[in-house]
Amino acid sequence: MRGYVWEEKIGGWVEYLSFPSGGDCSYPAAVPLDENRMLVSYYSQHEYLDDPGFRDMEGPCDIFLATVRTDGAPEWGRLTPGAREHLEKLGVSRSS
């Protein structure tokens, strides 16, 4: 499952994000949470593709929910301490 944004400078679509997906997958939805984050949901069968006897569109699927930053900054709550320290050394902070 991929998401694209229109980039006015180049006059075309640019891939913005990509989620694990495969088999029967669809019905994405996005809801703004605040000025820098959105909540994205979709369903997919990708975790079952290697199961014995799997049949596309007949097997189980799961619903996924993700918080996505719209400003390209990392989601600080998900970073390891080492990753957080590295980003801070690069001058990327929570207020960025």
C-alpha atoms as a PDB file:
ATOM      1  CA  MET A   1       0.000   0.000   0.000  1.00  0.00           C
ATOM      2  CA  ARG A   2       1.590   3.265  -1.104  1.00  0.00           C
ATOM      3  CA  GLY A   3       0.667   6.877  -0.608  1.00  0.00           C
ATOM      4  CA  TYR A   4       1.543   9.704  -2.968  1.00  0.00           C
ATOM      5  CA  VAL A   5       1.517  13.501  -2.739  1.00  0.00           C
ATOM      6  CA  TRP A   6       1.340  16.015  -5.568  1.00  0.00           C
ATOM      7  CA  GLU A   7       4.621  17.929  -5.852  1.00  0.00           C
ATOM      8  CA  GLU A   8       3.894  21.252  -7.524  1.00  0.00           C
ATOM      9  CA  LYS A   9       7.583  22.001  -8.255  1.00  0.00           C
ATOM     10  CA  ILE A  10       7.928  18.980 -10.541  1.00  0.00           C
ATOM     11  CA  GLY A  11       4.304  18.817 -11.664  1.00  0.00           C
ATOM     12  CA  GLY A  12       3.861  15.202 -10.657  1.00  0.00           C
ATOM     13  CA  TRP A  13       3.107  12.651  -7.974  1.00  0.00           C
ATOM     14  CA  VAL A  14       5.835  11.589  -5.530  1.00  0.00           C
ATOM     15  CA  GLU A  15       5.681   8.492  -3.336  1.00  0.00           C
ATOM     16  CA  TYR A  16       5.362   9.708   0.248  1.00  0.00           C
ATOM     17  CA  LEU A  17       4.941   6.510   2.224  1.00  0.00           C
ATOM     18  CA  SER A  18       4.715   2.767   1.854  1.00  0.00           C
ATOM     19  CA  PHE A  19       3.062   0.240   4.150  1.00  0.00           C
ATOM     20  CA  PRO A  20       3.509  -3.545   4.197  1.00  0.00           C
ATOM     21  CA  SER A  21       0.746  -5.030   2.057  1.00  0.00           C
ATOM     22  CA  GLY A  22      -0.088  -7.869  -0.286  1.00  0.00           C
ATOM     23  CA  GLY A  23      -2.834 -10.174  -1.436  1.00  0.00           C
ATOM     24  CA  ASP A  24      -6.220  -8.579  -0.951  1.00  0.00           C
ATOM     25  CA  CYS A  25      -5.508  -5.111   0.450  1.00  0.00           C
ATOM     26  CA  SER A  26      -7.466  -1.911   0.139  1.00  0.00           C
ATOM     27  CA  TYR A  27      -9.739   0.685   1.709  1.00  0.00           C
ATOM     28  CA  PRO A  28      -7.093   3.054   3.033  1.00  0.00           C
ATOM     29  CA  ALA A  29      -8.299   5.979   5.091  1.00  0.00           C
ATOM     30  CA  ALA A  30      -6.441   8.930   6.592  1.00  0.00           C
ATOM     31  CA  VAL A  31      -7.611  11.276   9.324  1.00  0.00           C
ATOM     32  CA  PRO A  32      -5.629  14.322  10.480  1.00  0.00           C
ATOM     33  CA  LEU A  33      -4.646  14.171  14.162  1.00  0.00           C
ATOM     34  CA  ASP A  34      -2.922  17.546  14.367  1.00  0.00           C
ATOM     35  CA  GLU A  35      -0.871  19.770  12.068  1.00  0.00           C
ATOM     36  CA  ASN A  36       2.001  17.248  11.870  1.00  0.00           C
ATOM     37  CA  ARG A  37       0.392  13.813  12.132  1.00  0.00           C
ATOM     38  CA  MET A  38      -2.323  11.705  10.543  1.00  0.00           C
ATOM     39  CA  LEU A  39      -3.883   8.370  11.400  1.00  0.00           C
ATOM     40  CA  VAL A  40      -3.900   5.850   8.517  1.00  0.00           C
ATOM     41  CA  SER A  41      -5.829   2.575   8.362  1.00  0.00           C
ATOM     42  CA  TYR A  42      -6.089  -0.195   5.752  1.00  0.00           C
ATOM     43  CA  TYR A  43      -6.524  -3.946   5.529  1.00  0.00           C
ATOM     44  CA  SER A  44      -4.167  -6.490   4.007  1.00  0.00           C
ATOM     45  CA  GLN A  45      -3.437 -10.205   3.718  1.00  0.00           C
ATOM     46  CA  HIS A  46       0.352  -9.796   3.496  1.00  0.00           C
ATOM     47  CA  GLU A  47       1.038 -11.643   6.751  1.00  0.00           C
ATOM     48  CA  TYR A  48      -0.673 -14.778   5.383  1.00  0.00           C
ATOM     49  CA  LEU A  49       0.814 -14.993   1.866  1.00  0.00           C
ATOM     50  CA  ASP A  50       3.221 -17.802   2.813  1.00  0.00           C
ATOM     51  CA  ASP A  51       0.637 -19.899   4.679  1.00  0.00           C
ATOM     52  CA  PRO A  52       0.018 -23.366   3.167  1.00  0.00           C
ATOM     53  CA  GLY A  53      -3.057 -23.304   0.947  1.00  0.00           C
ATOM     54  CA  PHE A  54      -3.360 -19.496   0.984  1.00  0.00           C
ATOM     55  CA  ARG A  55      -5.803 -18.197  -1.630  1.00  0.00           C
ATOM     56  CA  ASP A  56      -5.939 -14.516  -2.473  1.00  0.00           C
ATOM     57  CA  MET A  57      -9.199 -12.841  -1.430  1.00  0.00           C
ATOM     58  CA  GLU A  58     -10.432 -15.971   0.388  1.00  0.00           C
ATOM     59  CA  GLY A  59      -8.058 -16.148   3.331  1.00  0.00           C
ATOM     60  CA  PRO A  60      -7.828 -14.077   6.486  1.00  0.00           C
ATOM     61  CA  CYS A  61      -6.775 -10.449   6.529  1.00  0.00           C
ATOM     62  CA  ASP A  62      -5.860  -7.938   9.207  1.00  0.00           C
ATOM     63  CA  ILE A  63      -6.675  -4.279   9.752  1.00  0.00           C
ATOM     64  CA  PHE A  64      -3.689  -2.008  10.327  1.00  0.00           C
ATOM     65  CA  LEU A  65      -3.542   1.393  11.991  1.00  0.00           C
ATOM     66  CA  ALA A  66      -0.525   3.723  11.903  1.00  0.00           C
ATOM     67  CA  THR A  67       0.361   7.227  13.000  1.00  0.00           C
ATOM     68  CA  VAL A  68       2.209   8.996  10.171  1.00  0.00           C
ATOM     69  CA  ARG A  69       4.148  12.233  10.421  1.00  0.00           C
ATOM     70  CA  THR A  70       3.197  14.668   7.663  1.00  0.00           C
ATOM     71  CA  ASP A  71       6.244  16.877   8.184  1.00  0.00           C
ATOM     72  CA  GLY A  72       8.851  14.156   7.582  1.00  0.00           C
ATOM     73  CA  ALA A  73      10.121  14.306  11.174  1.00  0.00           C
ATOM     74  CA  PRO A  74      10.467  11.108  13.205  1.00  0.00           C
ATOM     75  CA  GLU A  75       7.787  10.083  15.681  1.00  0.00           C
ATOM     76  CA  TRP A  76       9.841  10.608  18.837  1.00  0.00           C
ATOM     77  CA  GLY A  77       7.953   8.156  21.015  1.00  0.00           C
ATOM     78  CA  ARG A  78       9.036   5.271  18.751  1.00  0.00           C
ATOM     79  CA  LEU A  79      12.779   5.984  18.666  1.00  0.00           C
ATOM     80  CA  THR A  80      15.365   4.016  20.558  1.00  0.00           C
ATOM     81  CA  PRO A  81      17.563   6.111  22.866  1.00  0.00           C
ATOM     82  CA  GLY A  82      20.484   5.685  20.445  1.00  0.00           C
ATOM     83  CA  ALA A  83      18.435   6.874  17.472  1.00  0.00           C
ATOM     84  CA  ARG A  84      17.133   9.845  19.466  1.00  0.00           C
ATOM     85  CA  GLU A  85      20.693  10.813  20.470  1.00  0.00           C
ATOM     86  CA  HIS A  86      21.886  10.531  16.855  1.00  0.00           C
ATOM     87  CA  LEU A  87      19.081  12.769  15.563  1.00  0.00           C
ATOM     88  CA  GLU A  88      19.724  15.334  18.284  1.00  0.00           C
ATOM     89  CA  LYS A  89      23.420  15.452  17.254  1.00  0.00           C
ATOM     90  CA  LEU A  90      22.229  16.183  13.712  1.00  0.00           C
ATOM     91  CA  GLY A  91      20.185  19.097  15.032  1.00  0.00           C
ATOM     92  CA  VAL A  92      16.803  17.411  14.672  1.00  0.00           C
ATOM     93  CA  SER A  93      14.740  18.065  17.777  1.00  0.00           C
ATOM     94  CA  ARG A  94      11.222  17.433  19.023  1.00  0.00           C
ATOM     95  CA  SER A  95      10.267  20.976  18.110  1.00  0.00           C
ATOM     96  CA  SER A  96      11.457  20.575  14.497  1.00  0.00           C
END
